[in-house]
Amino acid sequence: MLKIGDYNELEVLKEVDFGFYLISDEGEILLPRKYVTEGLGIGDRINVFIYKDSEDRLVATTITPIAKVGDIAYLEVKDTNRYGAFLDWGLEKDLLVPFAEQKIKMVVGNKYFVKVYFDEVTKRVVATTKINKHLDKEVLDVAEGEEVDLTVYKFTELGASVIINNKYLGVVYKNDIFIKLNVNDKLKGYISKIRED
């Protein structure tokens, strides 16, 4: 099944002047010539990122975006309009955060943490600043003492709020912070306690 907003390994079907068409269960998908790797031929398999272009067509790219569906990323607002805010996620088409998915009005030039997801209604990849509602609260796949990946989310009176393994929210208490931290710093940590809530 094709994963929009993620990487897919697809087979090259045919070559045209402006690129290659790849086979998918959603039909043929264009890999524009500017993204074609040298030596690519018909029948080859290639790992590509799939998203929709400005005309709502599926398109493939070999560019690595800053984030994919399921990721939490710290992205800059490039533009706003009547639909919402548009973030730079490393691809030609910017990533939309609809107004309904903004906790506060987003401002051009500022950076925000967002969760990237596939909207089943619009069938597009979008983002939200309402990260809490997209974090996993039911299935916990970490244990006390386990090493985890941390991203500094914000600072509170208790210490640093962190995103754990791109899935959960946690806190590093002030008395457990031994280095200078900034928002979006990425580091290793250990689970010291899992609370029931």
N, C-alpha and C. Protein backbone atom coordinates (compact mmCIF):
# COMPACT_ATOMS: atom_id res chain seq x y z
N MET A 1 0.84 -1.18 0.00
CA MET A 1 0.00 0.00 0.00
C MET A 1 0.88 1.25 0.00
N LEU A 2 0.55 2.20 -0.85
CA LEU A 2 1.33 3.42 -0.98
C LEU A 2 1.22 4.27 0.29
N LYS A 3 2.36 4.75 0.80
CA LYS A 3 2.38 5.60 1.98
C LYS A 3 2.65 7.03 1.52
N ILE A 4 1.62 7.86 1.53
CA ILE A 4 1.77 9.27 1.15
C ILE A 4 2.37 10.01 2.34
N GLY A 5 3.38 10.83 2.06
CA GLY A 5 4.07 11.53 3.14
C GLY A 5 5.15 10.69 3.77
N ASP A 6 5.60 9.67 3.04
CA ASP A 6 6.61 8.75 3.56
C ASP A 6 7.40 8.18 2.38
N TYR A 7 8.37 7.32 2.71
CA TYR A 7 9.21 6.70 1.69
C TYR A 7 8.57 5.42 1.18
N ASN A 8 8.71 5.19 -0.11
CA ASN A 8 8.18 4.00 -0.76
C ASN A 8 9.22 3.50 -1.76
N GLU A 9 9.36 2.19 -1.86
CA GLU A 9 10.23 1.63 -2.90
C GLU A 9 9.34 1.25 -4.07
N LEU A 10 9.54 1.92 -5.20
CA LEU A 10 8.68 1.73 -6.37
C LEU A 10 9.52 1.35 -7.59
N GLU A 11 8.86 0.69 -8.55
CA GLU A 11 9.53 0.25 -9.77
C GLU A 11 9.32 1.27 -10.88
N VAL A 12 10.37 1.49 -11.67
CA VAL A 12 10.29 2.41 -12.81
C VAL A 12 9.52 1.74 -13.93
N LEU A 13 8.46 2.40 -14.40
CA LEU A 13 7.60 1.87 -15.46
C LEU A 13 8.06 2.34 -16.82
N LYS A 14 8.25 3.67 -16.98
CA LYS A 14 8.62 4.21 -18.29
C LYS A 14 9.30 5.55 -18.13
N GLU A 15 10.04 5.92 -19.18
CA GLU A 15 10.73 7.21 -19.19
C GLU A 15 10.04 8.15 -20.16
N VAL A 16 9.93 9.41 -19.78
CA VAL A 16 9.38 10.46 -20.65
C VAL A 16 10.37 11.62 -20.61
N ASP A 17 10.14 12.63 -21.45
CA ASP A 17 11.06 13.77 -21.53
C ASP A 17 11.29 14.43 -20.17
N PHE A 18 10.23 14.51 -19.36
CA PHE A 18 10.30 15.28 -18.12
C PHE A 18 10.54 14.41 -16.88
N GLY A 19 10.83 13.13 -17.07
CA GLY A 19 11.15 12.28 -15.92
C GLY A 19 10.81 10.82 -16.14
N PHE A 20 10.51 10.13 -15.05
CA PHE A 20 10.16 8.72 -15.09
C PHE A 20 8.83 8.52 -14.38
N TYR A 21 8.03 7.59 -14.90
CA TYR A 21 6.81 7.21 -14.19
C TYR A 21 7.09 5.93 -13.41
N LEU A 22 6.63 5.92 -12.18
CA LEU A 22 6.81 4.78 -11.29
C LEU A 22 5.49 4.08 -11.08
N ILE A 23 5.53 2.77 -10.86
CA ILE A 23 4.32 1.97 -10.66
C ILE A 23 3.95 1.98 -9.17
N SER A 24 2.67 2.23 -8.89
CA SER A 24 2.19 2.13 -7.51
C SER A 24 0.76 1.61 -7.53
N ASP A 25 0.24 1.20 -6.36
CA ASP A 25 -1.14 0.74 -6.31
C ASP A 25 -2.14 1.89 -6.41
N GLU A 26 -1.63 3.14 -6.47
CA GLU A 26 -2.48 4.32 -6.68
C GLU A 26 -2.38 4.81 -8.13
N GLY A 27 -1.72 4.03 -8.97
CA GLY A 27 -1.51 4.43 -10.37
C GLY A 27 -0.07 4.87 -10.60
N GLU A 28 0.17 5.47 -11.76
CA GLU A 28 1.50 5.92 -12.12
C GLU A 28 1.82 7.23 -11.38
N ILE A 29 3.07 7.32 -10.89
CA ILE A 29 3.51 8.51 -10.16
C ILE A 29 4.77 9.05 -10.84
N LEU A 30 4.76 10.35 -11.10
CA LEU A 30 5.89 10.97 -11.78
C LEU A 30 7.05 11.24 -10.82
N LEU A 31 8.24 10.86 -11.25
CA LEU A 31 9.49 11.26 -10.62
C LEU A 31 10.11 12.27 -11.59
N PRO A 32 9.98 13.59 -11.32
CA PRO A 32 10.50 14.60 -12.25
C PRO A 32 12.00 14.39 -12.52
N ARG A 33 12.42 14.75 -13.72
CA ARG A 33 13.80 14.50 -14.15
C ARG A 33 14.82 15.12 -13.20
N LYS A 34 14.52 16.27 -12.62
CA LYS A 34 15.51 16.92 -11.73
C LYS A 34 15.82 16.09 -10.49
N TYR A 35 14.98 15.08 -10.18
CA TYR A 35 15.22 14.23 -9.02
C TYR A 35 15.76 12.86 -9.40
N VAL A 36 15.97 12.63 -10.68
CA VAL A 36 16.39 11.31 -11.15
C VAL A 36 17.87 11.08 -10.85
N THR A 37 18.16 9.94 -10.27
CA THR A 37 19.55 9.57 -10.01
C THR A 37 20.17 8.99 -11.28
N GLU A 38 21.47 9.22 -11.43
CA GLU A 38 22.17 8.77 -12.63
C GLU A 38 22.10 7.26 -12.77
N GLY A 39 21.85 6.82 -13.98
CA GLY A 39 21.82 5.39 -14.28
C GLY A 39 20.48 4.71 -14.04
N LEU A 40 19.46 5.48 -13.65
CA LEU A 40 18.14 4.89 -13.39
C LEU A 40 17.53 4.40 -14.71
N GLY A 41 16.96 3.20 -14.70
CA GLY A 41 16.38 2.64 -15.92
C GLY A 41 15.06 1.94 -15.66
N ILE A 42 14.37 1.61 -16.73
CA ILE A 42 13.09 0.91 -16.65
C ILE A 42 13.29 -0.44 -15.96
N GLY A 43 12.40 -0.74 -15.02
CA GLY A 43 12.48 -1.99 -14.27
C GLY A 43 13.26 -1.85 -12.97
N ASP A 44 14.03 -0.77 -12.82
CA ASP A 44 14.77 -0.55 -11.57
C ASP A 44 13.80 -0.20 -10.45
N ARG A 45 14.21 -0.47 -9.23
CA ARG A 45 13.44 -0.07 -8.06
C ARG A 45 14.17 1.10 -7.40
N ILE A 46 13.41 2.08 -6.93
CA ILE A 46 14.01 3.27 -6.33
C ILE A 46 13.20 3.67 -5.09
N ASN A 47 13.92 4.10 -4.04
CA ASN A 47 13.28 4.55 -2.82
C ASN A 47 13.02 6.05 -2.95
N VAL A 48 11.74 6.44 -2.91
CA VAL A 48 11.35 7.84 -3.11
C VAL A 48 10.37 8.27 -2.03
N PHE A 49 10.32 9.59 -1.81
CA PHE A 49 9.34 10.18 -0.91
C PHE A 49 8.15 10.61 -1.75
N ILE A 50 6.94 10.26 -1.30
CA ILE A 50 5.71 10.55 -2.05
C ILE A 50 4.90 11.63 -1.34
N TYR A 51 4.50 12.65 -2.09
CA TYR A 51 3.60 13.68 -1.56
C TYR A 51 2.79 14.24 -2.71
N LYS A 52 1.91 15.20 -2.43
CA LYS A 52 1.09 15.80 -3.49
C LYS A 52 1.64 17.16 -3.86
N ASP A 53 1.64 17.45 -5.16
CA ASP A 53 2.14 18.75 -5.62
C ASP A 53 1.04 19.80 -5.51
N SER A 54 1.32 21.01 -5.99
CA SER A 54 0.36 22.12 -5.85
C SER A 54 -0.92 21.90 -6.65
N GLU A 55 -0.90 20.96 -7.59
CA GLU A 55 -2.10 20.65 -8.35
C GLU A 55 -2.77 19.37 -7.84
N ASP A 56 -2.39 18.94 -6.64
CA ASP A 56 -2.98 17.79 -5.96
C ASP A 56 -2.69 16.45 -6.65
N ARG A 57 -1.59 16.39 -7.39
CA ARG A 57 -1.17 15.14 -8.03
C ARG A 57 -0.09 14.49 -7.19
N LEU A 58 -0.10 13.16 -7.13
CA LEU A 58 0.98 12.45 -6.45
C LEU A 58 2.28 12.64 -7.21
N VAL A 59 3.35 12.92 -6.50
CA VAL A 59 4.65 13.13 -7.11
C VAL A 59 5.71 12.46 -6.23
N ALA A 60 6.78 11.99 -6.88
CA ALA A 60 7.88 11.35 -6.17
C ALA A 60 9.10 12.26 -6.18
N THR A 61 9.91 12.17 -5.14
CA THR A 61 11.15 12.92 -5.08
C THR A 61 12.22 12.10 -4.38
N THR A 62 13.47 12.36 -4.75
CA THR A 62 14.59 11.74 -4.05
C THR A 62 15.16 12.68 -2.99
N ILE A 63 14.56 13.88 -2.86
CA ILE A 63 14.95 14.82 -1.80
C ILE A 63 14.47 14.26 -0.47
N THR A 64 15.28 14.41 0.56
CA THR A 64 14.90 13.97 1.90
C THR A 64 14.26 15.15 2.63
N PRO A 65 12.97 15.06 2.95
CA PRO A 65 12.33 16.17 3.67
C PRO A 65 12.79 16.21 5.13
N ILE A 66 12.53 17.32 5.80
CA ILE A 66 12.90 17.46 7.20
C ILE A 66 12.08 16.51 8.07
N ALA A 67 10.83 16.25 7.65
CA ALA A 67 9.94 15.38 8.43
C ALA A 67 9.04 14.60 7.49
N LYS A 68 8.54 13.48 8.00
CA LYS A 68 7.58 12.67 7.26
C LYS A 68 6.36 12.44 8.15
N VAL A 69 5.33 11.81 7.62
CA VAL A 69 4.13 11.54 8.39
C VAL A 69 4.50 10.77 9.65
N GLY A 70 3.97 11.24 10.78
CA GLY A 70 4.25 10.63 12.07
C GLY A 70 5.33 11.34 12.86
N ASP A 71 6.13 12.18 12.19
CA ASP A 71 7.22 12.87 12.87
C ASP A 71 6.74 14.15 13.55
N ILE A 72 7.46 14.51 14.60
CA ILE A 72 7.31 15.82 15.22
C ILE A 72 8.56 16.60 14.82
N ALA A 73 8.36 17.80 14.27
CA ALA A 73 9.49 18.58 13.77
C ALA A 73 9.34 20.04 14.15
N TYR A 74 10.45 20.73 14.18
CA TYR A 74 10.51 22.16 14.52
C TYR A 74 10.73 22.91 13.21
N LEU A 75 9.66 23.48 12.66
CA LEU A 75 9.70 24.03 11.30
C LEU A 75 9.37 25.52 11.27
N GLU A 76 9.92 26.19 10.28
CA GLU A 76 9.72 27.64 10.13
C GLU A 76 8.56 27.94 9.20
N VAL A 77 7.78 28.97 9.59
CA VAL A 77 6.66 29.43 8.76
C VAL A 77 7.20 30.31 7.64
N LYS A 78 6.91 29.93 6.40
CA LYS A 78 7.35 30.72 5.24
C LYS A 78 6.29 31.69 4.77
N ASP A 79 5.01 31.33 4.97
CA ASP A 79 3.92 32.16 4.45
C ASP A 79 2.63 31.83 5.19
N THR A 80 1.68 32.75 5.12
CA THR A 80 0.33 32.48 5.63
C THR A 80 -0.66 33.02 4.61
N ASN A 81 -1.84 32.42 4.60
CA ASN A 81 -2.93 32.93 3.76
C ASN A 81 -4.25 32.53 4.40
N ARG A 82 -5.34 32.60 3.66
CA ARG A 82 -6.66 32.34 4.24
C ARG A 82 -6.86 30.87 4.62
N TYR A 83 -5.97 29.98 4.19
CA TYR A 83 -6.10 28.56 4.52
C TYR A 83 -5.33 28.18 5.78
N GLY A 84 -4.26 28.92 6.06
CA GLY A 84 -3.45 28.59 7.22
C GLY A 84 -2.02 29.06 7.04
N ALA A 85 -1.10 28.36 7.69
CA ALA A 85 0.33 28.69 7.62
C ALA A 85 1.05 27.62 6.81
N PHE A 86 2.09 28.05 6.10
CA PHE A 86 2.85 27.13 5.25
C PHE A 86 4.28 27.05 5.77
N LEU A 87 4.72 25.82 6.06
CA LEU A 87 6.00 25.58 6.68
C LEU A 87 7.01 25.02 5.68
N ASP A 88 8.27 25.38 5.90
CA ASP A 88 9.36 24.83 5.10
C ASP A 88 9.73 23.47 5.67
N TRP A 89 9.45 22.42 4.89
CA TRP A 89 9.84 21.07 5.33
C TRP A 89 10.83 20.44 4.37
N GLY A 90 11.48 21.31 3.55
CA GLY A 90 12.55 20.86 2.68
C GLY A 90 12.14 20.42 1.30
N LEU A 91 10.84 20.55 0.96
CA LEU A 91 10.35 20.18 -0.36
C LEU A 91 9.84 21.42 -1.09
N GLU A 92 9.61 21.27 -2.41
CA GLU A 92 9.15 22.42 -3.21
C GLU A 92 7.81 22.95 -2.72
N LYS A 93 6.89 22.05 -2.41
CA LYS A 93 5.58 22.47 -1.91
C LYS A 93 5.65 22.52 -0.39
N ASP A 94 5.29 23.67 0.17
CA ASP A 94 5.35 23.83 1.62
C ASP A 94 4.26 23.02 2.31
N LEU A 95 4.44 22.80 3.60
CA LEU A 95 3.54 21.98 4.42
C LEU A 95 2.50 22.88 5.10
N LEU A 96 1.24 22.58 4.89
CA LEU A 96 0.14 23.39 5.43
C LEU A 96 -0.20 23.02 6.87
N VAL A 97 -0.38 24.05 7.70
CA VAL A 97 -0.99 23.90 9.02
C VAL A 97 -2.30 24.68 8.95
N PRO A 98 -3.45 24.00 8.77
CA PRO A 98 -4.73 24.72 8.68
C PRO A 98 -4.98 25.52 9.97
N PHE A 99 -5.74 26.61 9.84
CA PHE A 99 -6.04 27.42 11.02
C PHE A 99 -6.61 26.59 12.16
N ALA A 100 -7.46 25.62 11.84
CA ALA A 100 -8.08 24.79 12.87
C ALA A 100 -7.06 23.94 13.63
N GLU A 101 -5.87 23.80 13.08
CA GLU A 101 -4.82 22.99 13.71
C GLU A 101 -3.73 23.84 14.36
N GLN A 102 -4.01 25.14 14.54
CA GLN A 102 -3.05 26.04 15.19
C GLN A 102 -3.54 26.39 16.59
N LYS A 103 -2.72 26.09 17.61
CA LYS A 103 -3.07 26.47 18.98
C LYS A 103 -3.06 27.99 19.13
N ILE A 104 -2.09 28.63 18.50
CA ILE A 104 -2.02 30.09 18.43
C ILE A 104 -1.75 30.45 16.98
N LYS A 105 -2.09 31.68 16.60
CA LYS A 105 -1.88 32.09 15.22
C LYS A 105 -0.38 32.07 14.92
N MET A 106 -0.02 31.38 13.85
CA MET A 106 1.39 31.23 13.49
C MET A 106 1.87 32.46 12.71
N VAL A 107 3.12 32.83 12.93
CA VAL A 107 3.70 34.05 12.37
C VAL A 107 4.85 33.71 11.43
N VAL A 108 4.88 34.37 10.26
CA VAL A 108 5.95 34.15 9.28
C VAL A 108 7.30 34.44 9.94
N GLY A 109 8.26 33.54 9.71
CA GLY A 109 9.61 33.68 10.24
C GLY A 109 9.82 32.97 11.57
N ASN A 110 8.74 32.67 12.29
CA ASN A 110 8.86 31.94 13.56
C ASN A 110 8.89 30.44 13.31
N LYS A 111 9.46 29.72 14.28
CA LYS A 111 9.50 28.25 14.21
C LYS A 111 8.55 27.68 15.25
N TYR A 112 7.95 26.54 14.92
CA TYR A 112 6.98 25.89 15.80
C TYR A 112 7.19 24.38 15.73
N PHE A 113 6.90 23.71 16.84
CA PHE A 113 6.83 22.26 16.82
C PHE A 113 5.50 21.86 16.21
N VAL A 114 5.55 20.93 15.27
CA VAL A 114 4.33 20.42 14.65
C VAL A 114 4.41 18.90 14.53
N LYS A 115 3.27 18.28 14.49
CA LYS A 115 3.16 16.85 14.21
C LYS A 115 2.68 16.74 12.77
N VAL A 116 3.39 16.00 11.95
CA VAL A 116 3.02 15.80 10.55
C VAL A 116 2.11 14.57 10.47
N TYR A 117 0.98 14.72 9.79
CA TYR A 117 0.05 13.59 9.68
C TYR A 117 -0.67 13.60 8.33
N PHE A 118 -1.27 12.48 8.01
CA PHE A 118 -2.06 12.35 6.78
C PHE A 118 -3.52 12.56 7.13
N ASP A 119 -4.11 13.59 6.55
CA ASP A 119 -5.51 13.92 6.80
C ASP A 119 -6.39 13.04 5.93
N GLU A 120 -7.13 12.15 6.56
CA GLU A 120 -7.99 11.21 5.83
C GLU A 120 -9.12 11.91 5.07
N VAL A 121 -9.53 13.08 5.52
CA VAL A 121 -10.63 13.81 4.86
C VAL A 121 -10.15 14.44 3.55
N THR A 122 -9.04 15.18 3.61
CA THR A 122 -8.55 15.87 2.41
C THR A 122 -7.59 15.02 1.59
N LYS A 123 -7.13 13.90 2.17
CA LYS A 123 -6.16 13.01 1.52
C LYS A 123 -4.85 13.74 1.23
N ARG A 124 -4.46 14.62 2.17
CA ARG A 124 -3.21 15.37 2.02
C ARG A 124 -2.37 15.26 3.28
N VAL A 125 -1.08 15.50 3.12
CA VAL A 125 -0.18 15.57 4.26
C VAL A 125 -0.26 17.00 4.80
N VAL A 126 -0.56 17.13 6.08
CA VAL A 126 -0.66 18.43 6.75
C VAL A 126 0.04 18.32 8.10
N ALA A 127 0.01 19.42 8.85
CA ALA A 127 0.64 19.41 10.17
C ALA A 127 -0.26 20.12 11.17
N THR A 128 0.02 19.89 12.45
CA THR A 128 -0.74 20.52 13.52
C THR A 128 0.21 20.94 14.64
N THR A 129 -0.13 22.05 15.30
CA THR A 129 0.62 22.43 16.50
C THR A 129 -0.01 21.80 17.74
N LYS A 130 -1.14 21.14 17.57
CA LYS A 130 -1.83 20.47 18.68
C LYS A 130 -1.23 19.08 18.86
N ILE A 131 0.02 19.08 19.29
CA ILE A 131 0.80 17.85 19.36
C ILE A 131 0.23 16.85 20.35
N ASN A 132 -0.25 17.33 21.50
CA ASN A 132 -0.75 16.41 22.54
C ASN A 132 -1.79 15.44 22.04
N LYS A 133 -2.70 15.89 21.19
CA LYS A 133 -3.76 14.98 20.73
C LYS A 133 -3.24 13.92 19.77
N HIS A 134 -2.00 14.08 19.29
CA HIS A 134 -1.43 13.11 18.36
C HIS A 134 -0.36 12.23 19.00
N LEU A 135 -0.08 12.46 20.28
CA LEU A 135 0.92 11.62 20.95
C LEU A 135 0.28 10.33 21.44
N ASP A 136 1.06 9.28 21.44
CA ASP A 136 0.56 7.97 21.85
C ASP A 136 0.40 7.94 23.37
N LYS A 137 -0.83 7.73 23.82
CA LYS A 137 -1.08 7.69 25.26
C LYS A 137 -1.55 6.30 25.71
N GLU A 138 -1.75 5.42 24.77
CA GLU A 138 -2.28 4.09 25.10
C GLU A 138 -1.18 3.02 25.13
N VAL A 139 -0.37 2.97 24.09
CA VAL A 139 0.65 1.93 23.98
C VAL A 139 1.99 2.52 24.37
N LEU A 140 2.57 2.01 25.45
CA LEU A 140 3.86 2.51 25.93
C LEU A 140 4.91 1.46 25.63
N ASP A 141 5.89 1.81 24.77
CA ASP A 141 6.91 0.82 24.42
C ASP A 141 8.29 1.21 24.94
N VAL A 142 8.31 1.89 26.09
CA VAL A 142 9.57 2.19 26.77
C VAL A 142 9.47 1.67 28.21
N ALA A 143 10.62 1.45 28.82
CA ALA A 143 10.65 0.94 30.19
C ALA A 143 11.62 1.78 31.02
N GLU A 144 11.42 1.76 32.32
CA GLU A 144 12.32 2.49 33.22
C GLU A 144 13.75 1.98 33.03
N GLY A 145 14.68 2.94 32.96
CA GLY A 145 16.09 2.61 32.74
C GLY A 145 16.50 2.55 31.28
N GLU A 146 15.54 2.56 30.37
CA GLU A 146 15.83 2.45 28.95
C GLU A 146 16.37 3.76 28.37
N GLU A 147 17.36 3.66 27.48
CA GLU A 147 17.88 4.84 26.78
C GLU A 147 16.89 5.25 25.71
N VAL A 148 16.64 6.56 25.59
CA VAL A 148 15.67 7.07 24.62
C VAL A 148 16.23 8.32 23.95
N ASP A 149 15.59 8.68 22.83
CA ASP A 149 15.91 9.93 22.13
C ASP A 149 15.00 11.03 22.66
N LEU A 150 15.60 12.17 22.97
CA LEU A 150 14.85 13.30 23.50
C LEU A 150 14.98 14.50 22.58
N THR A 151 13.89 15.25 22.43
CA THR A 151 13.92 16.54 21.76
C THR A 151 13.34 17.54 22.75
N VAL A 152 14.07 18.62 23.01
CA VAL A 152 13.59 19.64 23.95
C VAL A 152 12.44 20.39 23.30
N TYR A 153 11.28 20.35 23.96
CA TYR A 153 10.04 20.91 23.44
C TYR A 153 9.80 22.32 23.96
N LYS A 154 9.90 22.50 25.27
CA LYS A 154 9.73 23.82 25.89
C LYS A 154 10.24 23.74 27.32
N PHE A 155 10.30 24.90 27.96
CA PHE A 155 10.76 24.96 29.35
C PHE A 155 9.61 25.37 30.25
N THR A 156 9.57 24.76 31.45
CA THR A 156 8.54 25.08 32.44
C THR A 156 9.23 25.31 33.78
N GLU A 157 8.44 25.59 34.79
CA GLU A 157 9.01 25.76 36.14
C GLU A 157 9.67 24.48 36.64
N LEU A 158 9.18 23.33 36.17
CA LEU A 158 9.74 22.05 36.62
C LEU A 158 11.07 21.71 35.95
N GLY A 159 11.26 22.21 34.73
CA GLY A 159 12.46 21.85 33.97
C GLY A 159 12.18 21.94 32.48
N ALA A 160 12.58 20.90 31.75
CA ALA A 160 12.40 20.87 30.30
C ALA A 160 11.35 19.84 29.92
N SER A 161 10.33 20.27 29.19
CA SER A 161 9.40 19.32 28.58
C SER A 161 10.10 18.75 27.35
N VAL A 162 10.03 17.44 27.20
CA VAL A 162 10.73 16.79 26.09
C VAL A 162 9.79 15.84 25.35
N ILE A 163 10.09 15.66 24.07
CA ILE A 163 9.40 14.65 23.27
C ILE A 163 10.31 13.42 23.28
N ILE A 164 9.75 12.30 23.67
CA ILE A 164 10.51 11.06 23.83
C ILE A 164 10.24 10.14 22.64
N ASN A 165 11.33 9.75 21.95
CA ASN A 165 11.24 8.82 20.81
C ASN A 165 10.20 9.25 19.78
N ASN A 166 9.98 10.57 19.67
CA ASN A 166 9.04 11.11 18.68
C ASN A 166 7.61 10.62 18.91
N LYS A 167 7.30 10.17 20.17
CA LYS A 167 5.99 9.59 20.45
C LYS A 167 5.33 10.12 21.70
N TYR A 168 6.11 10.40 22.74
CA TYR A 168 5.55 10.70 24.04
C TYR A 168 6.08 12.03 24.57
N LEU A 169 5.34 12.61 25.51
CA LEU A 169 5.82 13.80 26.22
C LEU A 169 6.35 13.38 27.58
N GLY A 170 7.43 14.02 28.00
CA GLY A 170 7.99 13.74 29.30
C GLY A 170 8.61 15.00 29.86
N VAL A 171 9.22 14.88 31.00
CA VAL A 171 9.88 16.02 31.62
C VAL A 171 11.24 15.61 32.15
N VAL A 172 12.20 16.50 31.97
CA VAL A 172 13.50 16.35 32.62
C VAL A 172 13.52 17.44 33.69
N TYR A 173 13.52 17.02 34.95
CA TYR A 173 13.48 17.98 36.05
C TYR A 173 14.76 18.81 36.10
N LYS A 174 14.62 20.04 36.61
CA LYS A 174 15.75 20.98 36.67
C LYS A 174 16.99 20.36 37.31
N ASN A 175 16.78 19.60 38.39
CA ASN A 175 17.95 19.04 39.09
C ASN A 175 18.59 17.87 38.34
N ASP A 176 17.98 17.46 37.20
CA ASP A 176 18.58 16.42 36.36
C ASP A 176 19.20 16.98 35.08
N ILE A 177 19.20 18.32 34.95
CA ILE A 177 19.79 18.96 33.76
C ILE A 177 21.18 19.45 34.12
N PHE A 178 22.19 18.92 33.41
CA PHE A 178 23.57 19.26 33.73
C PHE A 178 24.27 20.00 32.60
N ILE A 179 23.54 20.31 31.52
CA ILE A 179 24.10 21.06 30.40
C ILE A 179 23.11 22.14 30.00
N LYS A 180 23.57 23.13 29.24
CA LYS A 180 22.67 24.17 28.75
C LYS A 180 21.82 23.57 27.64
N LEU A 181 20.51 23.72 27.75
CA LEU A 181 19.59 23.19 26.75
C LEU A 181 18.87 24.33 26.05
N ASN A 182 18.55 24.10 24.78
CA ASN A 182 17.76 25.03 23.98
C ASN A 182 16.61 24.26 23.34
N VAL A 183 15.56 24.99 22.98
CA VAL A 183 14.44 24.37 22.29
C VAL A 183 14.96 23.70 21.01
N ASN A 184 14.48 22.50 20.75
CA ASN A 184 14.81 21.66 19.59
C ASN A 184 16.16 20.95 19.73
N ASP A 185 16.86 21.07 20.86
CA ASP A 185 18.06 20.26 21.06
C ASP A 185 17.67 18.79 21.07
N LYS A 186 18.51 17.96 20.47
CA LYS A 186 18.26 16.52 20.43
C LYS A 186 19.38 15.84 21.20
N LEU A 187 18.99 14.95 22.10
CA LEU A 187 19.99 14.29 22.93
C LEU A 187 19.46 12.95 23.41
N LYS A 188 20.34 12.19 24.04
CA LYS A 188 19.98 10.90 24.63
C LYS A 188 19.62 11.11 26.09
N GLY A 189 18.73 10.29 26.58
CA GLY A 189 18.38 10.33 27.98
C GLY A 189 17.93 8.94 28.41
N TYR A 190 17.53 8.82 29.67
CA TYR A 190 17.08 7.55 30.21
C TYR A 190 15.76 7.76 30.93
N ILE A 191 14.87 6.79 30.82
CA ILE A 191 13.59 6.85 31.51
C ILE A 191 13.85 6.56 32.99
N SER A 192 13.55 7.53 33.84
CA SER A 192 13.78 7.30 35.26
C SER A 192 12.50 6.84 35.96
N LYS A 193 11.35 7.34 35.50
CA LYS A 193 10.09 6.94 36.13
C LYS A 193 8.97 7.06 35.11
N ILE A 194 8.07 6.09 35.12
CA ILE A 194 6.86 6.15 34.29
C ILE A 194 5.68 6.31 35.23
N ARG A 195 4.97 7.44 35.08
CA ARG A 195 3.82 7.70 35.94
C ARG A 195 2.58 7.02 35.38
N GLU A 196 1.64 6.70 36.23
CA GLU A 196 0.42 6.02 35.79
C GLU A 196 -0.41 6.87 34.84
N ASP A 197 -0.33 8.22 35.02
CA ASP A 197 -1.11 9.10 34.15
C ASP A 197 -0.35 9.49 32.89
